[in-house]
Amino acid sequence: MDHIDSQSGPATAPRRRRLAPQAYIDGILAGDRVMLARAITVIESELAADMDLAQEILEAVLPRTGNSRRVGITGVPGAGKSTLIDALGMHLVEERDEKTAVLSVDPSSPLSGGSILG
């Protein structure tokens, strides 16, 4: 008999168990990309059980963002958004030795109204 995780149905992949808040916080502050990805999943979750955890992670990490910048880029298809993001990112990494991250969102997703793109 196949084991079915209590957090998933038979047709879905088993969900990872949530960690203690400090594990996410320490991982994010250490630059652990896997832990950052897991924290983003928690923060975007609409499950009531994840909301307190998400709030605790955000309250601990946001005050430590230092001189980080967030830039929003929008435009019609074909306007050159990806080209601009690539050029800007390469400039920041190669010329200014800065770290960058890109979080792409498709607000036209019919299911969620805002799918994160990989």
C-alpha atoms as a PDB file:
ATOM      1  CA  MET A   1       0.000   0.000   0.000  1.00  0.00           C
ATOM      2  CA  ASP A   2       1.347   3.414  -0.957  1.00  0.00           C
ATOM      3  CA  HIS A   3       1.857   5.954   1.806  1.00  0.00           C
ATOM      4  CA  ILE A   4      -0.089   9.187   1.354  1.00  0.00           C
ATOM      5  CA  ASP A   5       1.222  12.212   3.217  1.00  0.00           C
ATOM      6  CA  SER A   6      -1.453  13.802   5.382  1.00  0.00           C
ATOM      7  CA  GLN A   7      -0.769  17.168   3.756  1.00  0.00           C
ATOM      8  CA  SER A   8      -1.337  15.998   0.209  1.00  0.00           C
ATOM      9  CA  GLY A   9      -3.822  14.010  -1.782  1.00  0.00           C
ATOM     10  CA  PRO A  10      -3.059  10.917  -3.830  1.00  0.00           C
ATOM     11  CA  ALA A  11      -2.656  12.942  -7.054  1.00  0.00           C
ATOM     12  CA  THR A  12      -0.360  15.626  -5.645  1.00  0.00           C
ATOM     13  CA  ALA A  13       3.274  15.687  -4.645  1.00  0.00           C
ATOM     14  CA  PRO A  14       3.829  15.618  -0.896  1.00  0.00           C
ATOM     15  CA  ARG A  15       4.301  19.057   0.642  1.00  0.00           C
ATOM     16  CA  ARG A  16       7.445  19.822   2.557  1.00  0.00           C
ATOM     17  CA  ARG A  17       6.988  20.247   6.259  1.00  0.00           C
ATOM     18  CA  ARG A  18       7.306  23.786   7.545  1.00  0.00           C
ATOM     19  CA  LEU A  19      10.421  24.617   9.521  1.00  0.00           C
ATOM     20  CA  ALA A  20      10.844  26.736  12.623  1.00  0.00           C
ATOM     21  CA  PRO A  21      10.786  30.474  11.809  1.00  0.00           C
ATOM     22  CA  GLN A  22      14.420  30.930  12.816  1.00  0.00           C
ATOM     23  CA  ALA A  23      15.525  28.326  10.247  1.00  0.00           C
ATOM     24  CA  TYR A  24      14.050  30.431   7.440  1.00  0.00           C
ATOM     25  CA  ILE A  25      15.409  33.662   8.907  1.00  0.00           C
ATOM     26  CA  ASP A  26      18.936  32.303   9.381  1.00  0.00           C
ATOM     27  CA  GLY A  27      18.921  30.796   5.889  1.00  0.00           C
ATOM     28  CA  ILE A  28      17.790  34.010   4.218  1.00  0.00           C
ATOM     29  CA  LEU A  29      20.347  36.121   6.073  1.00  0.00           C
ATOM     30  CA  ALA A  30      23.095  33.629   5.161  1.00  0.00           C
ATOM     31  CA  GLY A  31      22.216  33.887   1.454  1.00  0.00           C
ATOM     32  CA  ASP A  32      20.842  30.336   1.192  1.00  0.00           C
ATOM     33  CA  ARG A  33      18.817  30.388  -2.035  1.00  0.00           C
ATOM     34  CA  VAL A  34      16.945  27.194  -1.232  1.00  0.00           C
ATOM     35  CA  MET A  35      15.805  28.584   2.101  1.00  0.00           C
ATOM     36  CA  LEU A  36      14.856  31.868   0.415  1.00  0.00           C
ATOM     37  CA  ALA A  37      12.733  29.946  -2.094  1.00  0.00           C
ATOM     38  CA  ARG A  38      11.050  27.999   0.701  1.00  0.00           C
ATOM     39  CA  ALA A  39      10.378  31.229   2.605  1.00  0.00           C
ATOM     40  CA  ILE A  40       8.831  32.814  -0.499  1.00  0.00           C
ATOM     41  CA  THR A  41       6.538  29.797  -0.760  1.00  0.00           C
ATOM     42  CA  VAL A  42       5.424  30.280   2.848  1.00  0.00           C
ATOM     43  CA  ILE A  43       4.957  34.034   2.409  1.00  0.00           C
ATOM     44  CA  GLU A  44       2.851  33.603  -0.733  1.00  0.00           C
ATOM     45  CA  SER A  45       0.773  30.805   0.769  1.00  0.00           C
ATOM     46  CA  GLU A  46      -2.889  31.530   1.379  1.00  0.00           C
ATOM     47  CA  LEU A  47      -3.138  28.772   3.987  1.00  0.00           C
ATOM     48  CA  ALA A  48      -4.166  30.126   7.366  1.00  0.00           C
ATOM     49  CA  ALA A  49      -1.542  27.915   9.006  1.00  0.00           C
ATOM     50  CA  ASP A  50       1.249  29.699   7.081  1.00  0.00           C
ATOM     51  CA  MET A  51       0.214  33.297   7.744  1.00  0.00           C
ATOM     52  CA  ASP A  52       1.715  33.639  11.240  1.00  0.00           C
ATOM     53  CA  LEU A  53       4.940  31.990  10.075  1.00  0.00           C
ATOM     54  CA  ALA A  54       5.116  34.325   7.066  1.00  0.00           C
ATOM     55  CA  GLN A  55       4.589  37.375   9.265  1.00  0.00           C
ATOM     56  CA  GLU A  56       7.340  36.289  11.657  1.00  0.00           C
ATOM     57  CA  ILE A  57       9.799  35.740   8.795  1.00  0.00           C
ATOM     58  CA  LEU A  58       9.035  39.134   7.244  1.00  0.00           C
ATOM     59  CA  GLU A  59       9.230  41.019  10.540  1.00  0.00           C
ATOM     60  CA  ALA A  60      12.666  39.534  11.240  1.00  0.00           C
ATOM     61  CA  VAL A  61      14.168  39.968   7.762  1.00  0.00           C
ATOM     62  CA  LEU A  62      12.809  43.276   6.435  1.00  0.00           C
ATOM     63  CA  PRO A  63      14.628  45.510   8.958  1.00  0.00           C
ATOM     64  CA  ARG A  64      17.901  43.926   7.805  1.00  0.00           C
ATOM     65  CA  THR A  65      17.554  44.689   4.108  1.00  0.00           C
ATOM     66  CA  GLY A  66      20.064  47.523   4.375  1.00  0.00           C
ATOM     67  CA  ASN A  67      20.533  49.388   1.127  1.00  0.00           C
ATOM     68  CA  SER A  68      18.552  46.962  -1.000  1.00  0.00           C
ATOM     69  CA  ARG A  69      16.466  48.334  -3.838  1.00  0.00           C
ATOM     70  CA  ARG A  70      13.329  46.997  -5.430  1.00  0.00           C
ATOM     71  CA  VAL A  71      12.493  47.988  -8.980  1.00  0.00           C
ATOM     72  CA  GLY A  72       9.259  47.264 -10.824  1.00  0.00           C
ATOM     73  CA  ILE A  73       9.301  47.009 -14.606  1.00  0.00           C
ATOM     74  CA  THR A  74       6.088  46.716 -16.606  1.00  0.00           C
ATOM     75  CA  GLY A  75       5.171  46.941 -20.248  1.00  0.00           C
ATOM     76  CA  VAL A  76       3.301  45.395 -23.116  1.00  0.00           C
ATOM     77  CA  PRO A  77       4.573  42.149 -24.656  1.00  0.00           C
ATOM     78  CA  GLY A  78       7.609  42.796 -26.848  1.00  0.00           C
ATOM     79  CA  ALA A  79       8.504  46.124 -25.235  1.00  0.00           C
ATOM     80  CA  GLY A  80      11.944  44.887 -24.151  1.00  0.00           C
ATOM     81  CA  LYS A  81      11.384  44.254 -20.443  1.00  0.00           C
ATOM     82  CA  SER A  82      13.491  41.083 -20.372  1.00  0.00           C
ATOM     83  CA  THR A  83      16.262  42.723 -22.390  1.00  0.00           C
ATOM     84  CA  LEU A  84      16.322  45.694 -20.014  1.00  0.00           C
ATOM     85  CA  ILE A  85      16.352  43.441 -16.938  1.00  0.00           C
ATOM     86  CA  ASP A  86      19.197  41.375 -18.398  1.00  0.00           C
ATOM     87  CA  ALA A  87      21.284  44.449 -19.256  1.00  0.00           C
ATOM     88  CA  LEU A  88      20.669  46.094 -15.889  1.00  0.00           C
ATOM     89  CA  GLY A  89      21.421  42.883 -14.003  1.00  0.00           C
ATOM     90  CA  MET A  90      24.658  42.286 -15.903  1.00  0.00           C
ATOM     91  CA  HIS A  91      25.749  45.876 -15.292  1.00  0.00           C
ATOM     92  CA  LEU A  92      25.097  45.612 -11.555  1.00  0.00           C
ATOM     93  CA  VAL A  93      26.912  42.283 -11.250  1.00  0.00           C
ATOM     94  CA  GLU A  94      29.869  42.911 -13.566  1.00  0.00           C
ATOM     95  CA  GLU A  95      30.488  46.642 -13.179  1.00  0.00           C
ATOM     96  CA  ARG A  96      29.379  47.297  -9.612  1.00  0.00           C
ATOM     97  CA  ASP A  97      29.943  43.858  -8.037  1.00  0.00           C
ATOM     98  CA  GLU A  98      26.412  43.818  -6.616  1.00  0.00           C
ATOM     99  CA  LYS A  99      24.083  40.898  -6.024  1.00  0.00           C
ATOM    100  CA  THR A 100      20.839  40.810  -7.963  1.00  0.00           C
ATOM    101  CA  ALA A 101      17.658  38.782  -7.948  1.00  0.00           C
ATOM    102  CA  VAL A 102      14.771  38.834 -10.378  1.00  0.00           C
ATOM    103  CA  LEU A 103      11.258  37.868  -9.378  1.00  0.00           C
ATOM    104  CA  SER A 104       9.013  37.737 -12.441  1.00  0.00           C
ATOM    105  CA  VAL A 105       5.258  37.769 -11.988  1.00  0.00           C
ATOM    106  CA  ASP A 106       2.563  37.227 -14.612  1.00  0.00           C
ATOM    107  CA  PRO A 107      -0.470  39.151 -13.319  1.00  0.00           C
ATOM    108  CA  SER A 108      -2.630  37.772 -16.125  1.00  0.00           C
ATOM    109  CA  SER A 109      -2.696  34.218 -14.747  1.00  0.00           C
ATOM    110  CA  PRO A 110      -6.342  33.102 -14.846  1.00  0.00           C
ATOM    111  CA  LEU A 111      -5.874  30.788 -11.849  1.00  0.00           C
ATOM    112  CA  SER A 112      -3.976  32.849  -9.313  1.00  0.00           C
ATOM    113  CA  GLY A 113      -4.066  36.347 -10.750  1.00  0.00           C
ATOM    114  CA  GLY A 114      -0.292  36.539 -10.338  1.00  0.00           C
ATOM    115  CA  SER A 115       1.849  33.529 -11.165  1.00  0.00           C
ATOM    116  CA  ILE A 116       5.545  33.646 -10.304  1.00  0.00           C
ATOM    117  CA  LEU A 117       7.590  32.737 -13.350  1.00  0.00           C
ATOM    118  CA  GLY A 118      10.749  30.643 -13.059  1.00  0.00           C
END
